[in-house]
């Protein structure tokens, strides 16, 4: 449930979540959010 909430929040902010195998073992999560300039 926690990861679903994170993914929903990221999508609302036009970002994304990526899950991969870690080269060290286990799970690696990459979170990306766009950078906005204030006007």
Protein backbone atom coordinates (compact mmCIF):
# COMPACT_ATOMS: atom_id res chain seq x y z
CA UNK A 1 0.00 0.00 0.00
CA UNK A 2 2.84 2.42 0.81
CA UNK A 3 4.44 2.22 -2.63
CA UNK A 4 1.04 2.75 -4.30
CA UNK A 5 0.63 5.98 -2.31
CA UNK A 6 4.13 7.13 -3.32
CA UNK A 7 3.43 6.36 -6.99
CA UNK A 8 0.13 8.25 -6.89
CA UNK A 9 1.78 11.32 -5.30
CA UNK A 10 4.61 11.23 -7.85
CA UNK A 11 2.16 11.08 -10.77
CA UNK A 12 0.19 14.02 -9.37
CA UNK A 13 3.40 16.06 -9.50
CA UNK A 14 4.28 14.77 -13.00
CA UNK A 15 7.07 12.57 -11.69
CA UNK A 16 7.71 8.84 -11.75
CA UNK A 17 8.91 5.91 -9.67
CA UNK A 18 11.13 3.13 -11.01
CA UNK A 19 11.94 -0.13 -9.19
CA UNK A 20 15.01 -2.19 -10.19
CA UNK A 21 17.25 -4.89 -8.80
CA UNK A 22 20.15 -3.35 -6.93
CA UNK A 23 23.64 -4.42 -8.00
CA UNK A 24 24.35 -4.93 -4.28
CA UNK A 25 21.24 -7.10 -3.83
CA UNK A 26 17.74 -6.09 -2.84
CA UNK A 27 15.60 -3.36 -4.35
CA UNK A 28 16.60 0.04 -5.75
CA UNK A 29 13.90 2.72 -6.06
CA UNK A 30 14.45 5.76 -8.26
CA UNK A 31 12.14 8.73 -7.67
CA UNK A 32 12.06 11.58 -10.19
CA UNK A 33 10.30 14.93 -9.88
CA UNK A 34 10.54 17.75 -12.42
CA UNK A 35 12.17 21.01 -11.37
CA UNK A 36 10.03 24.11 -11.83
CA UNK A 37 11.26 27.68 -11.93
CA UNK A 38 9.29 30.28 -10.02
CA UNK A 39 8.00 33.12 -12.16
